[in-house]
Amino acid sequence: MKTIYSSETFLIEDGFRAEHRLQAARGYWRAFSRKLRYPLGPKGKAVSFIEGTLDPTHAISAVSNEGQFLGMAGFKTPNGALVGGGLGDLARTYGWIGAAWRGLLLHMLERDCSDGSLLMDGIFVEPEARGRGVGTALLHAVERHAASMGLKSIRLDVIDTNSRARALYEREGFAPQSVLSLGPLNPIFGFSSATQMTKSVGR
């Protein structure tokens, strides 16, 4: 693995280690299960699907100096996303009928990439690693990655029930641009609105 940042207690690495795939899938589900409970639940199947479709080329991970997985940030490009997969991948986990309606729900959450901007595809820190600067370090690594690609900004969505994440983004200079209201879909996805936030990155 390529180390892109190191502190006294943890490393930030490009991608994620093969031995961390299952833990990364569990962490992703823990972080986003409220939003994904209907499209991907129950937990066992959701973790299995996520584990099978995680793409290390669209990830940056945090690891302790002892090799313990601490968290991950993902991003989306026209070539893929942290959690990818298509209808066939859904069908292998949920069957074709389950894949059909789950695919429709997931499509409602899809966000398109835009020229000149890196679209984040989730960031989370394991509970035992919170408060150690891991989330901030992951965000900074994503910024450096975007700058290395010649992009001008980073774009992300934060849901109204995730005040902890929004506070981090605001501290790091992300500014709200627009708000999407779910209206009657609120009971399905577990949140009422999502705020799109952006931050310019240096070259």
N, C-alpha and C. Protein backbone atom coordinates (compact mmCIF):
# COMPACT_ATOMS: atom_id res chain seq x y z
N MET A 1 0.84 -1.20 0.00
CA MET A 1 0.00 0.00 0.00
C MET A 1 0.88 1.25 0.00
N LYS A 2 0.43 2.28 -0.70
CA LYS A 2 1.15 3.55 -0.74
C LYS A 2 0.68 4.44 0.41
N THR A 3 1.62 4.82 1.29
CA THR A 3 1.30 5.71 2.40
C THR A 3 1.34 7.15 1.89
N ILE A 4 0.28 7.90 2.10
CA ILE A 4 0.23 9.28 1.61
C ILE A 4 0.27 10.29 2.75
N TYR A 5 0.19 9.80 4.01
CA TYR A 5 0.31 10.68 5.16
C TYR A 5 0.56 9.81 6.39
N SER A 6 1.37 10.28 7.30
CA SER A 6 1.59 9.54 8.54
C SER A 6 1.63 10.49 9.72
N SER A 7 1.04 10.07 10.82
CA SER A 7 1.10 10.81 12.08
C SER A 7 1.78 9.92 13.10
N GLU A 8 1.76 10.33 14.35
CA GLU A 8 2.39 9.52 15.39
C GLU A 8 1.62 8.24 15.66
N THR A 9 0.33 8.22 15.33
CA THR A 9 -0.49 7.06 15.69
C THR A 9 -1.18 6.36 14.52
N PHE A 10 -1.23 6.98 13.35
CA PHE A 10 -1.92 6.32 12.23
C PHE A 10 -1.34 6.74 10.89
N LEU A 11 -1.69 5.95 9.88
CA LEU A 11 -1.27 6.19 8.50
C LEU A 11 -2.51 6.42 7.64
N ILE A 12 -2.36 7.24 6.61
CA ILE A 12 -3.38 7.38 5.58
C ILE A 12 -2.82 6.75 4.31
N GLU A 13 -3.56 5.79 3.78
CA GLU A 13 -3.08 5.02 2.64
C GLU A 13 -4.00 5.13 1.43
N ASP A 14 -3.41 5.05 0.27
CA ASP A 14 -4.16 5.02 -0.98
C ASP A 14 -4.82 3.65 -1.11
N GLY A 15 -6.15 3.62 -1.31
CA GLY A 15 -6.86 2.35 -1.38
C GLY A 15 -7.12 1.78 0.00
N PHE A 16 -7.29 0.46 0.09
CA PHE A 16 -7.41 -0.20 1.38
C PHE A 16 -6.77 -1.58 1.28
N ARG A 17 -6.30 -2.08 2.40
CA ARG A 17 -5.63 -3.38 2.44
C ARG A 17 -6.64 -4.51 2.24
N ALA A 18 -6.20 -5.56 1.54
CA ALA A 18 -7.10 -6.68 1.25
C ALA A 18 -7.68 -7.29 2.52
N GLU A 19 -6.87 -7.34 3.58
CA GLU A 19 -7.35 -7.95 4.82
C GLU A 19 -8.37 -7.07 5.55
N HIS A 20 -8.54 -5.85 5.09
CA HIS A 20 -9.49 -4.95 5.72
C HIS A 20 -10.83 -4.86 4.97
N ARG A 21 -10.98 -5.62 3.90
CA ARG A 21 -12.18 -5.49 3.07
C ARG A 21 -13.47 -5.72 3.87
N LEU A 22 -13.53 -6.79 4.64
CA LEU A 22 -14.75 -7.09 5.39
C LEU A 22 -15.01 -6.02 6.45
N GLN A 23 -13.96 -5.60 7.16
CA GLN A 23 -14.15 -4.57 8.18
C GLN A 23 -14.58 -3.26 7.56
N ALA A 24 -14.04 -2.95 6.38
CA ALA A 24 -14.44 -1.73 5.68
C ALA A 24 -15.91 -1.80 5.29
N ALA A 25 -16.37 -2.97 4.84
CA ALA A 25 -17.78 -3.14 4.47
C ALA A 25 -18.67 -2.98 5.70
N ARG A 26 -18.26 -3.55 6.81
CA ARG A 26 -19.04 -3.41 8.04
C ARG A 26 -19.08 -1.95 8.50
N GLY A 27 -17.95 -1.26 8.39
CA GLY A 27 -17.90 0.14 8.79
C GLY A 27 -18.76 1.02 7.91
N TYR A 28 -18.76 0.72 6.61
CA TYR A 28 -19.60 1.48 5.68
C TYR A 28 -21.07 1.29 6.02
N TRP A 29 -21.45 0.06 6.28
CA TRP A 29 -22.85 -0.21 6.63
C TRP A 29 -23.22 0.46 7.95
N ARG A 30 -22.33 0.40 8.93
CA ARG A 30 -22.61 1.04 10.22
C ARG A 30 -22.84 2.54 10.02
N ALA A 31 -22.05 3.15 9.17
CA ALA A 31 -22.14 4.60 8.96
C ALA A 31 -23.38 5.00 8.18
N PHE A 32 -23.79 4.17 7.23
CA PHE A 32 -24.84 4.58 6.30
C PHE A 32 -26.07 3.68 6.31
N SER A 33 -26.20 2.84 7.34
CA SER A 33 -27.31 1.89 7.36
C SER A 33 -28.66 2.58 7.47
N ARG A 34 -28.73 3.72 8.11
CA ARG A 34 -30.02 4.39 8.22
C ARG A 34 -30.54 4.80 6.84
N LYS A 35 -29.64 5.27 6.00
CA LYS A 35 -30.03 5.69 4.66
C LYS A 35 -30.24 4.49 3.73
N LEU A 36 -29.50 3.41 3.96
CA LEU A 36 -29.50 2.28 3.03
C LEU A 36 -30.26 1.06 3.56
N ARG A 37 -31.00 1.23 4.65
CA ARG A 37 -31.64 0.08 5.29
C ARG A 37 -32.62 -0.63 4.36
N TYR A 38 -33.39 0.11 3.58
CA TYR A 38 -34.33 -0.53 2.66
C TYR A 38 -33.68 -0.95 1.34
N PRO A 39 -32.84 -0.11 0.73
CA PRO A 39 -32.20 -0.56 -0.50
C PRO A 39 -31.28 -1.77 -0.32
N LEU A 40 -30.57 -1.87 0.84
CA LEU A 40 -29.58 -2.93 0.98
C LEU A 40 -29.80 -3.87 2.16
N GLY A 41 -30.61 -3.50 3.15
CA GLY A 41 -30.80 -4.37 4.30
C GLY A 41 -31.46 -5.69 3.95
N PRO A 42 -31.39 -6.68 4.85
CA PRO A 42 -30.89 -6.63 6.22
C PRO A 42 -29.37 -6.60 6.29
N LYS A 43 -28.85 -6.45 7.50
CA LYS A 43 -27.43 -6.21 7.70
C LYS A 43 -26.53 -7.25 7.04
N GLY A 44 -26.82 -8.53 7.25
CA GLY A 44 -25.96 -9.58 6.72
C GLY A 44 -25.81 -9.50 5.21
N LYS A 45 -26.93 -9.34 4.51
CA LYS A 45 -26.88 -9.25 3.06
C LYS A 45 -26.24 -7.94 2.62
N ALA A 46 -26.52 -6.88 3.34
CA ALA A 46 -25.94 -5.58 2.98
C ALA A 46 -24.42 -5.63 3.06
N VAL A 47 -23.89 -6.16 4.15
CA VAL A 47 -22.44 -6.24 4.31
C VAL A 47 -21.83 -7.13 3.22
N SER A 48 -22.51 -8.22 2.89
CA SER A 48 -22.03 -9.12 1.84
C SER A 48 -21.96 -8.40 0.49
N PHE A 49 -23.02 -7.66 0.17
CA PHE A 49 -23.04 -6.92 -1.10
C PHE A 49 -21.95 -5.87 -1.13
N ILE A 50 -21.84 -5.08 -0.05
CA ILE A 50 -20.84 -4.02 -0.01
C ILE A 50 -19.43 -4.60 -0.09
N GLU A 51 -19.19 -5.67 0.65
CA GLU A 51 -17.87 -6.29 0.63
C GLU A 51 -17.48 -6.72 -0.78
N GLY A 52 -18.45 -7.24 -1.52
CA GLY A 52 -18.17 -7.74 -2.86
C GLY A 52 -17.98 -6.65 -3.90
N THR A 53 -18.44 -5.44 -3.62
CA THR A 53 -18.39 -4.38 -4.64
C THR A 53 -17.47 -3.22 -4.27
N LEU A 54 -16.85 -3.23 -3.08
CA LEU A 54 -15.92 -2.16 -2.73
C LEU A 54 -14.77 -2.09 -3.73
N ASP A 55 -14.46 -0.88 -4.18
CA ASP A 55 -13.41 -0.68 -5.18
C ASP A 55 -12.26 0.10 -4.54
N PRO A 56 -11.11 -0.55 -4.30
CA PRO A 56 -9.99 0.14 -3.65
C PRO A 56 -9.40 1.28 -4.48
N THR A 57 -9.65 1.29 -5.79
CA THR A 57 -9.13 2.39 -6.61
C THR A 57 -9.90 3.68 -6.39
N HIS A 58 -11.01 3.60 -5.66
CA HIS A 58 -11.81 4.78 -5.36
C HIS A 58 -11.91 4.97 -3.84
N ALA A 59 -10.82 4.65 -3.15
CA ALA A 59 -10.82 4.72 -1.68
C ALA A 59 -9.50 5.25 -1.15
N ILE A 60 -9.58 5.85 0.03
CA ILE A 60 -8.42 6.23 0.84
C ILE A 60 -8.74 5.76 2.25
N SER A 61 -7.81 5.06 2.89
CA SER A 61 -8.10 4.47 4.19
C SER A 61 -7.14 4.96 5.26
N ALA A 62 -7.56 4.79 6.49
CA ALA A 62 -6.75 5.12 7.66
C ALA A 62 -6.45 3.84 8.42
N VAL A 63 -5.18 3.67 8.81
CA VAL A 63 -4.73 2.45 9.48
C VAL A 63 -3.82 2.86 10.63
N SER A 64 -3.97 2.20 11.78
CA SER A 64 -3.09 2.49 12.90
C SER A 64 -1.68 2.01 12.58
N ASN A 65 -0.70 2.47 13.35
CA ASN A 65 0.67 2.03 13.14
C ASN A 65 0.84 0.54 13.39
N GLU A 66 -0.13 -0.05 14.09
CA GLU A 66 -0.11 -1.49 14.33
C GLU A 66 -0.89 -2.27 13.28
N GLY A 67 -1.46 -1.57 12.30
CA GLY A 67 -2.17 -2.23 11.21
C GLY A 67 -3.66 -2.37 11.39
N GLN A 68 -4.23 -1.70 12.38
CA GLN A 68 -5.68 -1.79 12.61
C GLN A 68 -6.43 -0.82 11.70
N PHE A 69 -7.50 -1.29 11.08
CA PHE A 69 -8.32 -0.44 10.21
C PHE A 69 -9.05 0.60 11.06
N LEU A 70 -8.95 1.89 10.66
CA LEU A 70 -9.54 2.97 11.44
C LEU A 70 -10.65 3.72 10.71
N GLY A 71 -10.69 3.67 9.40
CA GLY A 71 -11.72 4.41 8.68
C GLY A 71 -11.39 4.52 7.21
N MET A 72 -12.30 5.13 6.46
CA MET A 72 -12.13 5.19 5.03
C MET A 72 -12.93 6.35 4.43
N ALA A 73 -12.41 6.89 3.35
CA ALA A 73 -13.14 7.87 2.55
C ALA A 73 -13.19 7.33 1.12
N GLY A 74 -14.34 7.51 0.48
CA GLY A 74 -14.49 7.05 -0.89
C GLY A 74 -14.88 8.18 -1.80
N PHE A 75 -14.69 7.99 -3.08
CA PHE A 75 -15.08 9.00 -4.05
C PHE A 75 -15.58 8.33 -5.32
N LYS A 76 -16.28 9.12 -6.10
CA LYS A 76 -16.89 8.62 -7.33
C LYS A 76 -16.32 9.37 -8.53
N THR A 77 -16.06 8.64 -9.60
CA THR A 77 -15.60 9.22 -10.86
C THR A 77 -16.44 8.63 -11.99
N PRO A 78 -16.28 9.13 -13.21
CA PRO A 78 -17.02 8.51 -14.32
C PRO A 78 -16.66 7.04 -14.53
N ASN A 79 -15.55 6.58 -13.92
CA ASN A 79 -15.10 5.20 -14.11
C ASN A 79 -15.50 4.27 -12.98
N GLY A 80 -16.17 4.79 -11.94
CA GLY A 80 -16.56 3.92 -10.85
C GLY A 80 -16.79 4.67 -9.56
N ALA A 81 -16.98 3.91 -8.47
CA ALA A 81 -17.25 4.51 -7.16
C ALA A 81 -16.76 3.56 -6.09
N LEU A 82 -16.69 4.05 -4.85
CA LEU A 82 -16.25 3.21 -3.74
C LEU A 82 -17.12 1.97 -3.63
N VAL A 83 -18.43 2.15 -3.61
CA VAL A 83 -19.36 1.03 -3.63
C VAL A 83 -20.04 1.02 -4.99
N GLY A 84 -19.59 0.11 -5.83
CA GLY A 84 -20.11 0.05 -7.19
C GLY A 84 -21.10 -1.08 -7.34
N GLY A 85 -20.95 -1.80 -8.42
CA GLY A 85 -21.86 -2.92 -8.67
C GLY A 85 -23.06 -2.52 -9.48
N GLY A 86 -23.59 -3.48 -10.20
CA GLY A 86 -24.77 -3.25 -11.03
C GLY A 86 -25.90 -4.18 -10.65
N LEU A 87 -26.86 -4.32 -11.55
CA LEU A 87 -28.02 -5.15 -11.28
C LEU A 87 -27.63 -6.60 -11.03
N GLY A 88 -26.64 -7.08 -11.76
CA GLY A 88 -26.19 -8.46 -11.57
C GLY A 88 -25.61 -8.70 -10.19
N ASP A 89 -24.87 -7.72 -9.68
CA ASP A 89 -24.31 -7.84 -8.33
C ASP A 89 -25.42 -7.86 -7.29
N LEU A 90 -26.43 -7.01 -7.48
CA LEU A 90 -27.58 -7.02 -6.56
C LEU A 90 -28.29 -8.37 -6.61
N ALA A 91 -28.46 -8.90 -7.82
CA ALA A 91 -29.19 -10.16 -7.98
C ALA A 91 -28.47 -11.32 -7.30
N ARG A 92 -27.14 -11.31 -7.31
CA ARG A 92 -26.39 -12.39 -6.66
C ARG A 92 -26.62 -12.41 -5.15
N THR A 93 -26.95 -11.26 -4.59
CA THR A 93 -27.19 -11.19 -3.15
C THR A 93 -28.66 -11.28 -2.80
N TYR A 94 -29.53 -10.63 -3.61
CA TYR A 94 -30.94 -10.48 -3.24
C TYR A 94 -31.90 -11.21 -4.18
N GLY A 95 -31.40 -11.83 -5.24
CA GLY A 95 -32.28 -12.41 -6.24
C GLY A 95 -32.75 -11.33 -7.21
N TRP A 96 -33.27 -11.77 -8.38
CA TRP A 96 -33.61 -10.78 -9.41
C TRP A 96 -34.79 -9.90 -9.03
N ILE A 97 -35.78 -10.43 -8.35
CA ILE A 97 -36.91 -9.59 -7.94
C ILE A 97 -36.45 -8.55 -6.92
N GLY A 98 -35.70 -9.00 -5.93
CA GLY A 98 -35.17 -8.07 -4.94
C GLY A 98 -34.25 -7.04 -5.56
N ALA A 99 -33.45 -7.49 -6.55
CA ALA A 99 -32.52 -6.57 -7.20
C ALA A 99 -33.26 -5.48 -7.96
N ALA A 100 -34.40 -5.81 -8.55
CA ALA A 100 -35.13 -4.84 -9.37
C ALA A 100 -35.60 -3.65 -8.54
N TRP A 101 -36.28 -3.91 -7.43
CA TRP A 101 -36.80 -2.76 -6.66
C TRP A 101 -35.72 -2.09 -5.83
N ARG A 102 -34.72 -2.86 -5.41
CA ARG A 102 -33.61 -2.24 -4.69
C ARG A 102 -32.80 -1.33 -5.61
N GLY A 103 -32.65 -1.77 -6.85
CA GLY A 103 -31.93 -0.94 -7.82
C GLY A 103 -32.63 0.39 -8.06
N LEU A 104 -33.96 0.38 -8.07
CA LEU A 104 -34.72 1.62 -8.24
C LEU A 104 -34.50 2.57 -7.06
N LEU A 105 -34.49 2.03 -5.85
CA LEU A 105 -34.26 2.86 -4.67
C LEU A 105 -32.85 3.43 -4.68
N LEU A 106 -31.86 2.61 -5.03
CA LEU A 106 -30.49 3.10 -5.09
C LEU A 106 -30.33 4.18 -6.15
N HIS A 107 -31.06 4.03 -7.25
CA HIS A 107 -30.98 5.03 -8.32
C HIS A 107 -31.44 6.40 -7.82
N MET A 108 -32.39 6.41 -6.89
CA MET A 108 -32.87 7.68 -6.34
C MET A 108 -31.78 8.41 -5.55
N LEU A 109 -30.81 7.65 -5.05
CA LEU A 109 -29.73 8.24 -4.26
C LEU A 109 -28.51 8.59 -5.11
N GLU A 110 -28.53 8.21 -6.37
CA GLU A 110 -27.37 8.44 -7.24
C GLU A 110 -27.13 9.92 -7.47
N ARG A 111 -25.86 10.29 -7.54
CA ARG A 111 -25.47 11.66 -7.87
C ARG A 111 -24.48 11.60 -9.02
N ASP A 112 -24.64 12.47 -9.98
CA ASP A 112 -23.78 12.47 -11.15
C ASP A 112 -22.49 13.23 -10.89
N CYS A 113 -21.41 12.77 -11.49
CA CYS A 113 -20.16 13.51 -11.45
C CYS A 113 -20.28 14.75 -12.34
N SER A 114 -19.51 15.77 -11.99
CA SER A 114 -19.50 16.97 -12.81
C SER A 114 -18.07 17.34 -13.15
N ASP A 115 -17.88 18.02 -14.28
CA ASP A 115 -16.54 18.40 -14.72
C ASP A 115 -15.87 19.30 -13.68
N GLY A 116 -14.63 19.00 -13.39
CA GLY A 116 -13.85 19.84 -12.51
C GLY A 116 -14.07 19.63 -11.04
N SER A 117 -14.89 18.64 -10.66
CA SER A 117 -15.21 18.41 -9.25
C SER A 117 -15.11 16.94 -8.90
N LEU A 118 -14.52 16.65 -7.74
CA LEU A 118 -14.48 15.28 -7.23
C LEU A 118 -15.70 15.05 -6.35
N LEU A 119 -16.44 14.00 -6.63
CA LEU A 119 -17.64 13.68 -5.87
C LEU A 119 -17.31 12.65 -4.80
N MET A 120 -17.48 13.01 -3.54
CA MET A 120 -17.22 12.07 -2.47
C MET A 120 -18.31 11.01 -2.39
N ASP A 121 -17.91 9.80 -2.01
CA ASP A 121 -18.82 8.66 -1.97
C ASP A 121 -18.81 8.02 -0.59
N GLY A 122 -18.84 8.88 0.45
CA GLY A 122 -18.88 8.37 1.81
C GLY A 122 -17.56 8.50 2.54
N ILE A 123 -17.62 8.83 3.81
CA ILE A 123 -16.46 8.87 4.70
C ILE A 123 -16.93 8.42 6.08
N PHE A 124 -16.14 7.58 6.74
CA PHE A 124 -16.50 7.12 8.07
C PHE A 124 -15.24 6.79 8.86
N VAL A 125 -15.37 6.87 10.17
CA VAL A 125 -14.28 6.53 11.10
C VAL A 125 -14.82 5.50 12.09
N GLU A 126 -14.06 4.47 12.35
CA GLU A 126 -14.48 3.46 13.30
C GLU A 126 -14.69 4.09 14.68
N PRO A 127 -15.69 3.63 15.44
CA PRO A 127 -16.03 4.26 16.73
C PRO A 127 -14.83 4.42 17.66
N GLU A 128 -13.96 3.42 17.72
CA GLU A 128 -12.84 3.48 18.65
C GLU A 128 -11.75 4.46 18.21
N ALA A 129 -11.83 4.94 16.98
CA ALA A 129 -10.81 5.86 16.46
C ALA A 129 -11.27 7.30 16.41
N ARG A 130 -12.50 7.58 16.82
CA ARG A 130 -13.01 8.94 16.73
C ARG A 130 -12.33 9.85 17.75
N GLY A 131 -12.22 11.12 17.38
CA GLY A 131 -11.58 12.09 18.25
C GLY A 131 -10.07 12.12 18.14
N ARG A 132 -9.51 11.42 17.18
CA ARG A 132 -8.05 11.36 17.01
C ARG A 132 -7.57 12.07 15.75
N GLY A 133 -8.50 12.75 15.06
CA GLY A 133 -8.11 13.47 13.85
C GLY A 133 -8.11 12.63 12.60
N VAL A 134 -8.65 11.42 12.68
CA VAL A 134 -8.65 10.52 11.52
C VAL A 134 -9.55 11.06 10.41
N GLY A 135 -10.76 11.50 10.76
CA GLY A 135 -11.68 12.02 9.75
C GLY A 135 -11.10 13.24 9.04
N THR A 136 -10.48 14.13 9.79
CA THR A 136 -9.87 15.32 9.18
C THR A 136 -8.74 14.92 8.25
N ALA A 137 -7.92 13.97 8.67
CA ALA A 137 -6.81 13.52 7.84
C ALA A 137 -7.32 12.87 6.55
N LEU A 138 -8.40 12.10 6.64
CA LEU A 138 -8.98 11.49 5.45
C LEU A 138 -9.49 12.57 4.48
N LEU A 139 -10.16 13.58 5.02
CA LEU A 139 -10.64 14.67 4.17
C LEU A 139 -9.49 15.39 3.48
N HIS A 140 -8.41 15.66 4.22
CA HIS A 140 -7.26 16.33 3.63
C HIS A 140 -6.64 15.48 2.51
N ALA A 141 -6.63 14.16 2.72
CA ALA A 141 -6.08 13.27 1.70
C ALA A 141 -6.95 13.28 0.45
N VAL A 142 -8.26 13.36 0.63
CA VAL A 142 -9.16 13.45 -0.52
C VAL A 142 -8.92 14.76 -1.27
N GLU A 143 -8.69 15.84 -0.53
CA GLU A 143 -8.40 17.13 -1.16
C GLU A 143 -7.13 17.04 -2.00
N ARG A 144 -6.08 16.43 -1.45
CA ARG A 144 -4.83 16.30 -2.19
C ARG A 144 -5.02 15.43 -3.43
N HIS A 145 -5.84 14.40 -3.30
CA HIS A 145 -6.11 13.53 -4.45
C HIS A 145 -6.82 14.32 -5.55
N ALA A 146 -7.82 15.11 -5.16
CA ALA A 146 -8.54 15.92 -6.15
C ALA A 146 -7.60 16.90 -6.83
N ALA A 147 -6.73 17.54 -6.04
CA ALA A 147 -5.79 18.49 -6.62
C ALA A 147 -4.82 17.80 -7.58
N SER A 148 -4.40 16.58 -7.23
CA SER A 148 -3.47 15.84 -8.10
C SER A 148 -4.11 15.47 -9.43
N MET A 149 -5.44 15.39 -9.45
CA MET A 149 -6.17 15.09 -10.68
C MET A 149 -6.45 16.35 -11.49
N GLY A 150 -6.03 17.50 -10.96
CA GLY A 150 -6.28 18.75 -11.66
C GLY A 150 -7.69 19.27 -11.49
N LEU A 151 -8.41 18.77 -10.47
CA LEU A 151 -9.78 19.21 -10.26
C LEU A 151 -9.81 20.48 -9.42
N LYS A 152 -10.91 21.20 -9.50
CA LYS A 152 -11.02 22.50 -8.84
C LYS A 152 -11.74 22.46 -7.51
N SER A 153 -12.54 21.43 -7.28
CA SER A 153 -13.34 21.40 -6.06
C SER A 153 -13.72 19.99 -5.68
N ILE A 154 -14.22 19.86 -4.44
CA ILE A 154 -14.79 18.61 -3.94
C ILE A 154 -16.26 18.86 -3.64
N ARG A 155 -17.09 17.89 -3.97
CA ARG A 155 -18.52 18.02 -3.73
C ARG A 155 -18.99 16.82 -2.91
N LEU A 156 -19.89 17.06 -1.97
CA LEU A 156 -20.44 15.98 -1.16
C LEU A 156 -21.85 16.34 -0.73
N ASP A 157 -22.58 15.33 -0.27
CA ASP A 157 -23.92 15.53 0.29
C ASP A 157 -23.90 15.08 1.74
N VAL A 158 -24.52 15.83 2.62
CA VAL A 158 -24.63 15.44 4.02
C VAL A 158 -26.10 15.51 4.42
N ILE A 159 -26.60 14.43 5.03
CA ILE A 159 -28.02 14.38 5.36
C ILE A 159 -28.30 15.13 6.65
N ASP A 160 -29.54 15.54 6.84
CA ASP A 160 -29.89 16.41 7.96
C ASP A 160 -29.76 15.72 9.32
N THR A 161 -29.70 14.40 9.34
CA THR A 161 -29.57 13.69 10.61
C THR A 161 -28.12 13.45 11.01
N ASN A 162 -27.17 13.88 10.19
CA ASN A 162 -25.75 13.63 10.46
C ASN A 162 -25.04 14.95 10.81
N SER A 163 -25.40 15.49 11.95
CA SER A 163 -24.86 16.78 12.36
C SER A 163 -23.36 16.70 12.66
N ARG A 164 -22.88 15.56 13.12
CA ARG A 164 -21.46 15.39 13.41
C ARG A 164 -20.62 15.56 12.15
N ALA A 165 -21.07 14.91 11.06
CA ALA A 165 -20.33 15.02 9.81
C ALA A 165 -20.40 16.44 9.26
N ARG A 166 -21.57 17.06 9.33
CA ARG A 166 -21.69 18.41 8.80
C ARG A 166 -20.78 19.38 9.55
N ALA A 167 -20.67 19.22 10.86
CA ALA A 167 -19.79 20.10 11.64
C ALA A 167 -18.35 19.95 11.18
N LEU A 168 -17.93 18.71 10.89
CA LEU A 168 -16.56 18.48 10.39
C LEU A 168 -16.37 19.17 9.05
N TYR A 169 -17.33 19.01 8.14
CA TYR A 169 -17.20 19.61 6.82
C TYR A 169 -17.12 21.14 6.91
N GLU A 170 -17.94 21.70 7.76
CA GLU A 170 -17.93 23.17 7.90
C GLU A 170 -16.61 23.65 8.47
N ARG A 171 -16.05 22.92 9.45
CA ARG A 171 -14.75 23.30 10.01
C ARG A 171 -13.66 23.24 8.95
N GLU A 172 -13.82 22.33 8.01
CA GLU A 172 -12.81 22.15 6.96
C GLU A 172 -13.05 23.01 5.73
N GLY A 173 -14.01 23.93 5.82
CA GLY A 173 -14.18 24.91 4.74
C GLY A 173 -15.20 24.56 3.68
N PHE A 174 -15.99 23.51 3.89
CA PHE A 174 -17.05 23.19 2.94
C PHE A 174 -18.22 24.14 3.15
N ALA A 175 -18.80 24.59 2.07
CA ALA A 175 -19.91 25.54 2.14
C ALA A 175 -21.15 24.94 1.49
N PRO A 176 -22.33 25.14 2.11
CA PRO A 176 -23.57 24.62 1.51
C PRO A 176 -23.91 25.33 0.21
N GLN A 177 -24.40 24.55 -0.75
CA GLN A 177 -24.77 25.11 -2.05
C GLN A 177 -26.26 24.97 -2.35
N SER A 178 -26.83 23.84 -1.97
CA SER A 178 -28.25 23.60 -2.24
C SER A 178 -28.76 22.53 -1.30
N VAL A 179 -30.08 22.44 -1.16
CA VAL A 179 -30.72 21.45 -0.28
C VAL A 179 -31.75 20.67 -1.09
N LEU A 180 -31.67 19.35 -1.00
CA LEU A 180 -32.64 18.48 -1.66
C LEU A 180 -33.56 17.89 -0.60
N SER A 181 -34.85 18.12 -0.73
CA SER A 181 -35.83 17.58 0.20
C SER A 181 -36.40 16.28 -0.34
N LEU A 182 -36.51 15.26 0.51
CA LEU A 182 -37.04 13.96 0.09
C LEU A 182 -38.56 13.90 0.12
N GLY A 183 -39.18 14.78 0.88
CA GLY A 183 -40.64 14.78 0.94
C GLY A 183 -41.18 13.45 1.45
N PRO A 184 -42.10 12.82 0.71
CA PRO A 184 -42.72 11.58 1.18
C PRO A 184 -41.78 10.39 1.22
N LEU A 185 -40.56 10.51 0.66
CA LEU A 185 -39.61 9.41 0.70
C LEU A 185 -38.83 9.36 2.01
N ASN A 186 -39.06 10.31 2.89
CA ASN A 186 -38.37 10.38 4.16
C ASN A 186 -38.41 9.06 4.94
N PRO A 187 -39.58 8.40 5.08
CA PRO A 187 -39.62 7.15 5.86
C PRO A 187 -38.77 6.03 5.26
N ILE A 188 -38.56 6.07 3.94
CA ILE A 188 -37.78 5.02 3.28
C ILE A 188 -36.30 5.18 3.57
N PHE A 189 -35.80 6.41 3.44
CA PHE A 189 -34.37 6.64 3.56
C PHE A 189 -33.93 7.16 4.94
N GLY A 190 -34.87 7.51 5.80
CA GLY A 190 -34.52 7.88 7.16
C GLY A 190 -33.97 9.27 7.34
N PHE A 191 -34.13 10.14 6.36
CA PHE A 191 -33.73 11.53 6.52
C PHE A 191 -34.65 12.40 5.67
N SER A 192 -34.77 13.67 6.05
CA SER A 192 -35.71 14.57 5.36
C SER A 192 -35.09 15.33 4.21
N SER A 193 -33.80 15.67 4.36
CA SER A 193 -33.15 16.46 3.31
C SER A 193 -31.66 16.20 3.31
N ALA A 194 -31.02 16.54 2.20
CA ALA A 194 -29.57 16.42 2.06
C ALA A 194 -29.03 17.73 1.53
N THR A 195 -27.98 18.21 2.16
CA THR A 195 -27.36 19.47 1.75
C THR A 195 -26.12 19.18 0.91
N GLN A 196 -26.07 19.75 -0.28
CA GLN A 196 -24.87 19.63 -1.11
C GLN A 196 -23.88 20.69 -0.66
N MET A 197 -22.64 20.26 -0.39
CA MET A 197 -21.60 21.17 0.06
C MET A 197 -20.38 21.04 -0.86
N THR A 198 -19.66 22.13 -1.05
CA THR A 198 -18.48 22.11 -1.90
C THR A 198 -17.32 22.83 -1.24
N LYS A 199 -16.13 22.50 -1.70
CA LYS A 199 -14.92 23.19 -1.23
C LYS A 199 -13.94 23.26 -2.38
N SER A 200 -13.36 24.42 -2.60
CA SER A 200 -12.33 24.57 -3.62
C SER A 200 -11.04 23.95 -3.12
N VAL A 201 -10.26 23.38 -4.03
CA VAL A 201 -8.99 22.77 -3.67
C VAL A 201 -7.87 23.43 -4.45
N GLY A 202 -6.70 23.49 -3.83
CA GLY A 202 -5.55 24.10 -4.48
C GLY A 202 -4.85 23.12 -5.39
N ARG A 203 -4.10 23.66 -6.31
CA ARG A 203 -3.34 22.83 -7.24
C ARG A 203 -1.99 22.46 -6.62
